[in-house]
Every structure is written in structure tokens, then in C-alpha cells.
Amino acid sequence: MFGPLYDNGASLGWQLPESQIIEQMNYKAKMNKFYKNSKMKISLDNRETPRIKAKTVLKYLILNYRKECDEFFHIAQNIDILELKSFLENFLLITDERNL
């Protein structure tokens, strides 16, 4: 399994202070810039490669693993958002700012 597919700490902005999370949530352009500039680390056999743009990885996955991506999107569309929100609200490691 690919680490970047399940280790999504960077996508949650763990390195950002709470005030910046709030600001990005309130300004769509800032949030889009954050995601557009996101980069991923990939390591194989404990050797890390240079960071690459997350968008490049997503394009590669869609082009080369279309069936798997379609299955993922199908599952994602069926997530019960209210149930997920309830779970996250009770998850002690996630602050209110990150639980928007």
C-alpha cells in the first residue's frame, strides 16, 4: 500500500496554527492555494524520493488506476457526513477549528 494514500497528515494542515486553519476555511482562494501547492513524500525501501506535487500523484493514479479511483469515489459519495461529523466531534485529538 502507498503511504501517501493513507498518511494524510499534511492534507489536514497539521503544521498550520489554528488561526491559519480558520483563515483558510473562510477564504476559498487560500484553501485552494494550499491544496494546489501540497507536495507528497514517497519512500520505497526506506529511501525517500524528492517531494512531488500531490496533483501529479492524483493525475497518475487516475490515469493508471481508473477502476480503483472510481471505486474510491463511489464509496466516498456514500459516506454519511452526519455520522462522520459526530465521530470527529468526539475525537479528542481534533480541535474545533479542524473539525469544520
PDB file of N, CA and C in Angstrom:
ATOM      1  N   MET A   1       0.847  -1.181   0.000  1.00  0.00           N
ATOM      2  CA  MET A   1       0.000   0.000   0.000  1.00  0.00           C
ATOM      3  C   MET A   1       0.884   1.233   0.000  1.00  0.00           C
ATOM      4  N   PHE A   2       0.443   2.266  -0.686  1.00  0.00           N
ATOM      5  CA  PHE A   2       1.186   3.515  -0.757  1.00  0.00           C
ATOM      6  C   PHE A   2       0.938   4.350   0.493  1.00  0.00           C
ATOM      7  N   GLY A   3       2.005   4.754   1.170  1.00  0.00           N
ATOM      8  CA  GLY A   3       1.888   5.580   2.363  1.00  0.00           C
ATOM      9  C   GLY A   3       1.099   6.864   2.139  1.00  0.00           C
ATOM     10  N   PRO A   4       1.373   7.614   1.073  1.00  0.00           N
ATOM     11  CA  PRO A   4       0.652   8.884   0.885  1.00  0.00           C
ATOM     12  C   PRO A   4      -0.859   8.703   0.774  1.00  0.00           C
ATOM     13  N   LEU A   5      -1.305   7.499   0.452  1.00  0.00           N
ATOM     14  CA  LEU A   5      -2.738   7.285   0.309  1.00  0.00           C
ATOM     15  C   LEU A   5      -3.434   7.170   1.652  1.00  0.00           C
ATOM     16  N   TYR A   6      -2.707   6.844   2.690  1.00  0.00           N
ATOM     17  CA  TYR A   6      -3.369   6.739   3.988  1.00  0.00           C
ATOM     18  C   TYR A   6      -2.747   7.648   5.041  1.00  0.00           C
ATOM     19  N   ASP A   7      -1.561   8.124   4.829  1.00  0.00           N
ATOM     20  CA  ASP A   7      -0.925   9.034   5.776  1.00  0.00           C
ATOM     21  C   ASP A   7      -1.159  10.457   5.282  1.00  0.00           C
ATOM     22  N   ASN A   8      -2.297  11.014   5.637  1.00  0.00           N
ATOM     23  CA  ASN A   8      -2.684  12.297   5.066  1.00  0.00           C
ATOM     24  C   ASN A   8      -2.553  13.451   6.046  1.00  0.00           C
ATOM     25  N   GLY A   9      -1.602  13.374   6.945  1.00  0.00           N
ATOM     26  CA  GLY A   9      -1.408  14.449   7.908  1.00  0.00           C
ATOM     27  C   GLY A   9      -1.209  15.803   7.254  1.00  0.00           C
ATOM     28  N   ALA A  10      -0.438  15.855   6.179  1.00  0.00           N
ATOM     29  CA  ALA A  10      -0.205  17.128   5.512  1.00  0.00           C
ATOM     30  C   ALA A  10      -1.492  17.707   4.940  1.00  0.00           C
ATOM     31  N   SER A  11      -2.364  16.849   4.458  1.00  0.00           N
ATOM     32  CA  SER A  11      -3.617  17.357   3.891  1.00  0.00           C
ATOM     33  C   SER A  11      -4.517  17.954   4.964  1.00  0.00           C
ATOM     34  N   LEU A  12      -4.295  17.578   6.216  1.00  0.00           N
ATOM     35  CA  LEU A  12      -5.070  18.136   7.320  1.00  0.00           C
ATOM     36  C   LEU A  12      -4.428  19.391   7.885  1.00  0.00           C
ATOM     37  N   GLY A  13      -3.297  19.781   7.326  1.00  0.00           N
ATOM     38  CA  GLY A  13      -2.633  21.005   7.763  1.00  0.00           C
ATOM     39  C   GLY A  13      -2.092  20.928   9.180  1.00  0.00           C
ATOM     40  N   TRP A  14      -1.536  19.799   9.573  1.00  0.00           N
ATOM     41  CA  TRP A  14      -1.048  19.621  10.939  1.00  0.00           C
ATOM     42  C   TRP A  14       0.003  20.657  11.308  1.00  0.00           C
ATOM     43  N   GLN A  15       0.738  21.151  10.316  1.00  0.00           N
ATOM     44  CA  GLN A  15       1.824  22.094  10.582  1.00  0.00           C
ATOM     45  C   GLN A  15       1.327  23.532  10.691  1.00  0.00           C
ATOM     46  N   LEU A  16       0.046  23.762  10.418  1.00  0.00           N
ATOM     47  CA  LEU A  16      -0.510  25.115  10.452  1.00  0.00           C
ATOM     48  C   LEU A  16      -1.090  25.432  11.826  1.00  0.00           C
ATOM     49  N   PRO A  17      -0.918  26.684  12.275  1.00  0.00           N
ATOM     50  CA  PRO A  17      -1.569  27.064  13.541  1.00  0.00           C
ATOM     51  C   PRO A  17      -3.084  27.154  13.346  1.00  0.00           C
ATOM     52  N   GLU A  18      -3.817  27.036  14.443  1.00  0.00           N
ATOM     53  CA  GLU A  18      -5.287  27.054  14.383  1.00  0.00           C
ATOM     54  C   GLU A  18      -5.804  28.312  13.691  1.00  0.00           C
ATOM     55  N   SER A  19      -5.166  29.456  13.951  1.00  0.00           N
ATOM     56  CA  SER A  19      -5.626  30.714  13.347  1.00  0.00           C
ATOM     57  C   SER A  19      -5.552  30.656  11.822  1.00  0.00           C
ATOM     58  N   GLN A  20      -4.529  30.010  11.287  1.00  0.00           N
ATOM     59  CA  GLN A  20      -4.401  29.901   9.830  1.00  0.00           C
ATOM     60  C   GLN A  20      -5.427  28.921   9.259  1.00  0.00           C
ATOM     61  N   ILE A  21      -5.751  27.872  10.003  1.00  0.00           N
ATOM     62  CA  ILE A  21      -6.795  26.934   9.564  1.00  0.00           C
ATOM     63  C   ILE A  21      -8.108  27.690   9.403  1.00  0.00           C
ATOM     64  N   ILE A  22      -8.455  28.503  10.408  1.00  0.00           N
ATOM     65  CA  ILE A  22      -9.700  29.270  10.358  1.00  0.00           C
ATOM     66  C   ILE A  22      -9.696  30.212   9.167  1.00  0.00           C
ATOM     67  N   GLU A  23      -8.568  30.897   8.964  1.00  0.00           N
ATOM     68  CA  GLU A  23      -8.461  31.837   7.844  1.00  0.00           C
ATOM     69  C   GLU A  23      -8.640  31.129   6.505  1.00  0.00           C
ATOM     70  N   GLN A  24      -8.010  29.982   6.340  1.00  0.00           N
ATOM     71  CA  GLN A  24      -8.134  29.246   5.084  1.00  0.00           C
ATOM     72  C   GLN A  24      -9.552  28.728   4.868  1.00  0.00           C
ATOM     73  N   MET A  25     -10.219  28.331   5.931  1.00  0.00           N
ATOM     74  CA  MET A  25     -11.587  27.848   5.793  1.00  0.00           C
ATOM     75  C   MET A  25     -12.536  28.971   5.384  1.00  0.00           C
ATOM     76  N   ASN A  26     -12.186  30.201   5.730  1.00  0.00           N
ATOM     77  CA  ASN A  26     -13.035  31.344   5.404  1.00  0.00           C
ATOM     78  C   ASN A  26     -12.745  31.953   4.035  1.00  0.00           C
ATOM     79  N   TYR A  27     -11.610  31.603   3.434  1.00  0.00           N
ATOM     80  CA  TYR A  27     -11.249  32.158   2.131  1.00  0.00           C
ATOM     81  C   TYR A  27     -10.912  31.020   1.174  1.00  0.00           C
ATOM     82  N   LYS A  28     -11.830  30.756   0.267  1.00  0.00           N
ATOM     83  CA  LYS A  28     -11.695  29.632  -0.663  1.00  0.00           C
ATOM     84  C   LYS A  28     -10.388  29.709  -1.460  1.00  0.00           C
ATOM     85  N   ALA A  29      -9.992  30.906  -1.875  1.00  0.00           N
ATOM     86  CA  ALA A  29      -8.772  31.062  -2.671  1.00  0.00           C
ATOM     87  C   ALA A  29      -7.539  30.594  -1.885  1.00  0.00           C
ATOM     88  N   LYS A  30      -7.504  30.908  -0.596  1.00  0.00           N
ATOM     89  CA  LYS A  30      -6.366  30.484   0.226  1.00  0.00           C
ATOM     90  C   LYS A  30      -6.354  28.968   0.401  1.00  0.00           C
ATOM     91  N   MET A  31      -7.530  28.380   0.586  1.00  0.00           N
ATOM     92  CA  MET A  31      -7.610  26.929   0.726  1.00  0.00           C
ATOM     93  C   MET A  31      -7.174  26.243  -0.568  1.00  0.00           C
ATOM     94  N   ASN A  32      -7.636  26.761  -1.696  1.00  0.00           N
ATOM     95  CA  ASN A  32      -7.253  26.183  -2.983  1.00  0.00           C
ATOM     96  C   ASN A  32      -5.752  26.291  -3.217  1.00  0.00           C
ATOM     97  N   LYS A  33      -5.158  27.410  -2.815  1.00  0.00           N
ATOM     98  CA  LYS A  33      -3.705  27.586  -2.966  1.00  0.00           C
ATOM     99  C   LYS A  33      -2.960  26.563  -2.109  1.00  0.00           C
ATOM    100  N   PHE A  34      -3.449  26.333  -0.886  1.00  0.00           N
ATOM    101  CA  PHE A  34      -2.819  25.349  -0.003  1.00  0.00           C
ATOM    102  C   PHE A  34      -2.807  23.970  -0.663  1.00  0.00           C
ATOM    103  N   TYR A  35      -3.954  23.570  -1.201  1.00  0.00           N
ATOM    104  CA  TYR A  35      -4.034  22.252  -1.844  1.00  0.00           C
ATOM    105  C   TYR A  35      -3.249  22.196  -3.145  1.00  0.00           C
ATOM    106  N   LYS A  36      -3.280  23.280  -3.898  1.00  0.00           N
ATOM    107  CA  LYS A  36      -2.541  23.316  -5.169  1.00  0.00           C
ATOM    108  C   LYS A  36      -1.042  23.167  -4.933  1.00  0.00           C
ATOM    109  N   ASN A  37      -0.549  23.726  -3.844  1.00  0.00           N
ATOM    110  CA  ASN A  37       0.887  23.693  -3.559  1.00  0.00           C
ATOM    111  C   ASN A  37       1.314  22.499  -2.717  1.00  0.00           C
ATOM    112  N   SER A  38       0.369  21.650  -2.316  1.00  0.00           N
ATOM    113  CA  SER A  38       0.708  20.488  -1.489  1.00  0.00           C
ATOM    114  C   SER A  38       1.649  19.549  -2.223  1.00  0.00           C
ATOM    115  N   LYS A  39       2.609  19.047  -1.483  1.00  0.00           N
ATOM    116  CA  LYS A  39       3.553  18.079  -2.043  1.00  0.00           C
ATOM    117  C   LYS A  39       3.557  16.843  -1.167  1.00  0.00           C
ATOM    118  N   MET A  40       3.948  15.728  -1.764  1.00  0.00           N
ATOM    119  CA  MET A  40       3.952  14.447  -1.068  1.00  0.00           C
ATOM    120  C   MET A  40       5.364  13.889  -1.005  1.00  0.00           C
ATOM    121  N   LYS A  41       5.597  13.143   0.061  1.00  0.00           N
ATOM    122  CA  LYS A  41       6.834  12.386   0.166  1.00  0.00           C
ATOM    123  C   LYS A  41       6.487  10.937  -0.146  1.00  0.00           C
ATOM    124  N   ILE A  42       7.315  10.315  -0.913  1.00  0.00           N
ATOM    125  CA  ILE A  42       7.131   8.898  -1.218  1.00  0.00           C
ATOM    126  C   ILE A  42       8.434   8.191  -0.866  1.00  0.00           C
ATOM    127  N   SER A  43       8.308   7.095  -0.142  1.00  0.00           N
ATOM    128  CA  SER A  43       9.528   6.351   0.155  1.00  0.00           C
ATOM    129  C   SER A  43       9.328   4.892  -0.222  1.00  0.00           C
ATOM    130  N   LEU A  44      10.337   4.364  -0.821  1.00  0.00           N
ATOM    131  CA  LEU A  44      10.359   2.953  -1.201  1.00  0.00           C
ATOM    132  C   LEU A  44      11.595   2.342  -0.565  1.00  0.00           C
ATOM    133  N   ASP A  45      11.432   1.229   0.094  1.00  0.00           N
ATOM    134  CA  ASP A  45      12.556   0.564   0.757  1.00  0.00           C
ATOM    135  C   ASP A  45      13.297   1.518   1.691  1.00  0.00           C
ATOM    136  N   ASN A  46      12.535   2.359   2.399  1.00  0.00           N
ATOM    137  CA  ASN A  46      13.081   3.327   3.350  1.00  0.00           C
ATOM    138  C   ASN A  46      13.997   4.369   2.713  1.00  0.00           C
ATOM    139  N   ARG A  47      13.912   4.509   1.393  1.00  0.00           N
ATOM    140  CA  ARG A  47      14.666   5.568   0.719  1.00  0.00           C
ATOM    141  C   ARG A  47      13.658   6.593   0.229  1.00  0.00           C
ATOM    142  N   GLU A  48      13.783   7.781   0.717  1.00  0.00           N
ATOM    143  CA  GLU A  48      12.822   8.819   0.392  1.00  0.00           C
ATOM    144  C   GLU A  48      13.181   9.494  -0.932  1.00  0.00           C
ATOM    145  N   THR A  49      12.179   9.700  -1.764  1.00  0.00           N
ATOM    146  CA  THR A  49      12.377  10.416  -3.017  1.00  0.00           C
ATOM    147  C   THR A  49      12.087  11.892  -2.782  1.00  0.00           C
ATOM    148  N   PRO A  50      12.495  12.757  -3.695  1.00  0.00           N
ATOM    149  CA  PRO A  50      12.151  14.174  -3.542  1.00  0.00           C
ATOM    150  C   PRO A  50      10.629  14.351  -3.509  1.00  0.00           C
ATOM    151  N   ARG A  51      10.166  15.385  -2.824  1.00  0.00           N
ATOM    152  CA  ARG A  51       8.731  15.658  -2.749  1.00  0.00           C
ATOM    153  C   ARG A  51       8.199  15.974  -4.148  1.00  0.00           C
ATOM    154  N   ILE A  52       6.992  15.472  -4.413  1.00  0.00           N
ATOM    155  CA  ILE A  52       6.348  15.766  -5.689  1.00  0.00           C
ATOM    156  C   ILE A  52       4.962  16.338  -5.410  1.00  0.00           C
ATOM    157  N   LYS A  53       4.453  17.106  -6.366  1.00  0.00           N
ATOM    158  CA  LYS A  53       3.152  17.735  -6.187  1.00  0.00           C
ATOM    159  C   LYS A  53       2.065  16.670  -6.047  1.00  0.00           C
ATOM    160  N   ALA A  54       1.191  16.886  -5.074  1.00  0.00           N
ATOM    161  CA  ALA A  54       0.087  15.958  -4.833  1.00  0.00           C
ATOM    162  C   ALA A  54      -0.786  15.835  -6.081  1.00  0.00           C
ATOM    163  N   LYS A  55      -0.964  16.940  -6.786  1.00  0.00           N
ATOM    164  CA  LYS A  55      -1.777  16.937  -8.001  1.00  0.00           C
ATOM    165  C   LYS A  55      -1.195  15.979  -9.050  1.00  0.00           C
ATOM    166  N   THR A  56       0.119  15.911  -9.127  1.00  0.00           N
ATOM    167  CA  THR A  56       0.785  15.000 -10.070  1.00  0.00           C
ATOM    168  C   THR A  56       0.490  13.549  -9.705  1.00  0.00           C
ATOM    169  N   VAL A  57       0.533  13.243  -8.406  1.00  0.00           N
ATOM    170  CA  VAL A  57       0.245  11.883  -7.938  1.00  0.00           C
ATOM    171  C   VAL A  57      -1.201  11.526  -8.256  1.00  0.00           C
ATOM    172  N   LEU A  58      -2.131  12.442  -7.977  1.00  0.00           N
ATOM    173  CA  LEU A  58      -3.545  12.178  -8.252  1.00  0.00           C
ATOM    174  C   LEU A  58      -3.792  11.938  -9.737  1.00  0.00           C
ATOM    175  N   LYS A  59      -3.168  12.745 -10.593  1.00  0.00           N
ATOM    176  CA  LYS A  59      -3.319  12.539 -12.043  1.00  0.00           C
ATOM    177  C   LYS A  59      -2.796  11.157 -12.444  1.00  0.00           C
ATOM    178  N   TYR A  60      -1.650  10.779 -11.904  1.00  0.00           N
ATOM    179  CA  TYR A  60      -1.073   9.474 -12.214  1.00  0.00           C
ATOM    180  C   TYR A  60      -2.019   8.345 -11.795  1.00  0.00           C
ATOM    181  N   LEU A  61      -2.558   8.466 -10.577  1.00  0.00           N
ATOM    182  CA  LEU A  61      -3.462   7.427 -10.087  1.00  0.00           C
ATOM    183  C   LEU A  61      -4.711   7.313 -10.957  1.00  0.00           C
ATOM    184  N   ILE A  62      -5.274   8.438 -11.333  1.00  0.00           N
ATOM    185  CA  ILE A  62      -6.484   8.419 -12.162  1.00  0.00           C
ATOM    186  C   ILE A  62      -6.195   7.828 -13.542  1.00  0.00           C
ATOM    187  N   LEU A  63      -5.050   8.171 -14.119  1.00  0.00           N
ATOM    188  CA  LEU A  63      -4.707   7.644 -15.447  1.00  0.00           C
ATOM    189  C   LEU A  63      -4.362   6.155 -15.419  1.00  0.00           C
ATOM    190  N   ASN A  64      -3.700   5.710 -14.356  1.00  0.00           N
ATOM    191  CA  ASN A  64      -3.196   4.337 -14.320  1.00  0.00           C
ATOM    192  C   ASN A  64      -4.016   3.374 -13.462  1.00  0.00           C
ATOM    193  N   TYR A  65      -4.864   3.905 -12.610  1.00  0.00           N
ATOM    194  CA  TYR A  65      -5.688   3.073 -11.729  1.00  0.00           C
ATOM    195  C   TYR A  65      -7.118   3.587 -11.723  1.00  0.00           C
ATOM    196  N   ARG A  66      -7.670   3.721 -12.917  1.00  0.00           N
ATOM    197  CA  ARG A  66      -9.000   4.311 -13.060  1.00  0.00           C
ATOM    198  C   ARG A  66     -10.080   3.529 -12.301  1.00  0.00           C
ATOM    199  N   LYS A  67     -10.049   2.222 -12.407  1.00  0.00           N
ATOM    200  CA  LYS A  67     -11.064   1.401 -11.749  1.00  0.00           C
ATOM    201  C   LYS A  67     -11.027   1.605 -10.236  1.00  0.00           C
ATOM    202  N   GLU A  68      -9.843   1.587  -9.661  1.00  0.00           N
ATOM    203  CA  GLU A  68      -9.697   1.754  -8.224  1.00  0.00           C
ATOM    204  C   GLU A  68     -10.139   3.147  -7.779  1.00  0.00           C
ATOM    205  N   CYS A  69      -9.811   4.154  -8.576  1.00  0.00           N
ATOM    206  CA  CYS A  69     -10.233   5.527  -8.261  1.00  0.00           C
ATOM    207  C   CYS A  69     -11.750   5.649  -8.329  1.00  0.00           C
ATOM    208  N   ASP A  70     -12.352   5.054  -9.354  1.00  0.00           N
ATOM    209  CA  ASP A  70     -13.814   5.091  -9.472  1.00  0.00           C
ATOM    210  C   ASP A  70     -14.470   4.416  -8.267  1.00  0.00           C
ATOM    211  N   GLU A  71     -13.911   3.290  -7.825  1.00  0.00           N
ATOM    212  CA  GLU A  71     -14.449   2.603  -6.652  1.00  0.00           C
ATOM    213  C   GLU A  71     -14.333   3.478  -5.407  1.00  0.00           C
ATOM    214  N   PHE A  72     -13.183   4.157  -5.261  1.00  0.00           N
ATOM    215  CA  PHE A  72     -12.994   5.043  -4.123  1.00  0.00           C
ATOM    216  C   PHE A  72     -14.015   6.179  -4.138  1.00  0.00           C
ATOM    217  N   PHE A  73     -14.196   6.815  -5.290  1.00  0.00           N
ATOM    218  CA  PHE A  73     -15.134   7.931  -5.372  1.00  0.00           C
ATOM    219  C   PHE A  73     -16.572   7.474  -5.118  1.00  0.00           C
ATOM    220  N   HIS A  74     -16.894   6.284  -5.551  1.00  0.00           N
ATOM    221  CA  HIS A  74     -18.223   5.742  -5.292  1.00  0.00           C
ATOM    222  C   HIS A  74     -18.442   5.567  -3.785  1.00  0.00           C
ATOM    223  N   ILE A  75     -17.449   4.996  -3.117  1.00  0.00           N
ATOM    224  CA  ILE A  75     -17.537   4.812  -1.669  1.00  0.00           C
ATOM    225  C   ILE A  75     -17.590   6.169  -0.965  1.00  0.00           C
ATOM    226  N   ALA A  76     -16.751   7.103  -1.394  1.00  0.00           N
ATOM    227  CA  ALA A  76     -16.701   8.421  -0.752  1.00  0.00           C
ATOM    228  C   ALA A  76     -18.035   9.153  -0.864  1.00  0.00           C
ATOM    229  N   GLN A  77     -18.730   8.990  -1.983  1.00  0.00           N
ATOM    230  CA  GLN A  77     -20.013   9.664  -2.167  1.00  0.00           C
ATOM    231  C   GLN A  77     -21.075   9.123  -1.220  1.00  0.00           C
ATOM    232  N   ASN A  78     -20.883   7.932  -0.727  1.00  0.00           N
ATOM    233  CA  ASN A  78     -21.870   7.309   0.141  1.00  0.00           C
ATOM    234  C   ASN A  78     -21.551   7.438   1.629  1.00  0.00           C
ATOM    235  N   ILE A  79     -20.548   8.235   1.957  1.00  0.00           N
ATOM    236  CA  ILE A  79     -20.212   8.435   3.365  1.00  0.00           C
ATOM    237  C   ILE A  79     -21.315   9.245   4.029  1.00  0.00           C
ATOM    238  N   ASP A  80     -21.734   8.788   5.175  1.00  0.00           N
ATOM    239  CA  ASP A  80     -22.747   9.505   5.955  1.00  0.00           C
ATOM    240  C   ASP A  80     -22.041  10.664   6.662  1.00  0.00           C
ATOM    241  N   ILE A  81     -22.194  11.867   6.125  1.00  0.00           N
ATOM    242  CA  ILE A  81     -21.485  13.042   6.636  1.00  0.00           C
ATOM    243  C   ILE A  81     -21.864  13.342   8.085  1.00  0.00           C
ATOM    244  N   LEU A  82     -23.122  13.191   8.442  1.00  0.00           N
ATOM    245  CA  LEU A  82     -23.537  13.462   9.822  1.00  0.00           C
ATOM    246  C   LEU A  82     -22.891  12.477  10.800  1.00  0.00           C
ATOM    247  N   GLU A  83     -22.806  11.220  10.398  1.00  0.00           N
ATOM    248  CA  GLU A  83     -22.159  10.217  11.249  1.00  0.00           C
ATOM    249  C   GLU A  83     -20.668  10.521  11.380  1.00  0.00           C
ATOM    250  N   LEU A  84     -20.025  10.903  10.276  1.00  0.00           N
ATOM    251  CA  LEU A  84     -18.604  11.249  10.311  1.00  0.00           C
ATOM    252  C   LEU A  84     -18.375  12.468  11.198  1.00  0.00           C
ATOM    253  N   LYS A  85     -19.225  13.491  11.057  1.00  0.00           N
ATOM    254  CA  LYS A  85     -19.095  14.696  11.879  1.00  0.00           C
ATOM    255  C   LYS A  85     -19.258  14.353  13.361  1.00  0.00           C
ATOM    256  N   SER A  86     -20.206  13.512  13.680  1.00  0.00           N
ATOM    257  CA  SER A  86     -20.415  13.094  15.066  1.00  0.00           C
ATOM    258  C   SER A  86     -19.173  12.386  15.600  1.00  0.00           C
ATOM    259  N   PHE A  87     -18.582  11.518  14.803  1.00  0.00           N
ATOM    260  CA  PHE A  87     -17.363  10.814  15.211  1.00  0.00           C
ATOM    261  C   PHE A  87     -16.234  11.804  15.457  1.00  0.00           C
ATOM    262  N   LEU A  88     -16.047  12.747  14.537  1.00  0.00           N
ATOM    263  CA  LEU A  88     -14.946  13.702  14.655  1.00  0.00           C
ATOM    264  C   LEU A  88     -15.122  14.635  15.851  1.00  0.00           C
ATOM    265  N   GLU A  89     -16.359  14.994  16.139  1.00  0.00           N
ATOM    266  CA  GLU A  89     -16.615  15.872  17.284  1.00  0.00           C
ATOM    267  C   GLU A  89     -16.197  15.213  18.595  1.00  0.00           C
ATOM    268  N   ASN A  90     -16.198  13.911  18.646  1.00  0.00           N
ATOM    269  CA  ASN A  90     -15.814  13.180  19.852  1.00  0.00           C
ATOM    270  C   ASN A  90     -14.376  12.685  19.827  1.00  0.00           C
ATOM    271  N   PHE A  91     -13.673  13.021  18.760  1.00  0.00           N
ATOM    272  CA  PHE A  91     -12.278  12.594  18.607  1.00  0.00           C
ATOM    273  C   PHE A  91     -11.393  13.648  19.263  1.00  0.00           C
ATOM    274  N   LEU A  92     -10.805  13.332  20.387  1.00  0.00           N
ATOM    275  CA  LEU A  92     -10.127  14.314  21.223  1.00  0.00           C
ATOM    276  C   LEU A  92      -8.915  14.983  20.585  1.00  0.00           C
ATOM    277  N   LEU A  93      -8.318  14.362  19.599  1.00  0.00           N
ATOM    278  CA  LEU A  93      -7.109  14.930  19.001  1.00  0.00           C
ATOM    279  C   LEU A  93      -7.393  15.978  17.939  1.00  0.00           C
ATOM    280  N   ILE A  94      -8.648  16.155  17.564  1.00  0.00           N
ATOM    281  CA  ILE A  94      -9.008  17.122  16.532  1.00  0.00           C
ATOM    282  C   ILE A  94      -9.655  18.326  17.196  1.00  0.00           C
ATOM    283  N   THR A  95      -9.063  19.492  16.976  1.00  0.00           N
ATOM    284  CA  THR A  95      -9.612  20.714  17.563  1.00  0.00           C
ATOM    285  C   THR A  95     -10.868  21.137  16.806  1.00  0.00           C
ATOM    286  N   ASP A  96     -11.634  22.031  17.421  1.00  0.00           N
ATOM    287  CA  ASP A  96     -12.853  22.538  16.781  1.00  0.00           C
ATOM    288  C   ASP A  96     -12.543  23.190  15.447  1.00  0.00           C
ATOM    289  N   GLU A  97     -11.422  23.897  15.336  1.00  0.00           N
ATOM    290  CA  GLU A  97     -11.057  24.580  14.091  1.00  0.00           C
ATOM    291  C   GLU A  97     -10.814  23.585  12.953  1.00  0.00           C
ATOM    292  N   ARG A  98     -10.305  22.433  13.275  1.00  0.00           N
ATOM    293  CA  ARG A  98     -10.009  21.427  12.247  1.00  0.00           C
ATOM    294  C   ARG A  98     -11.192  20.525  11.987  1.00  0.00           C
ATOM    295  N   ASN A  99     -12.254  20.693  12.714  1.00  0.00           N
ATOM    296  CA  ASN A  99     -13.430  19.851  12.593  1.00  0.00           C
ATOM    297  C   ASN A  99     -14.555  20.558  11.844  1.00  0.00           C
ATOM    298  N   LEU A 100     -14.193  21.522  11.000  1.00  0.00           N
ATOM    299  CA  LEU A 100     -15.225  22.281  10.268  1.00  0.00           C
ATOM    300  C   LEU A 100     -15.782  21.500   9.114  1.00  0.00           C
TER     301      LEU A 100
END
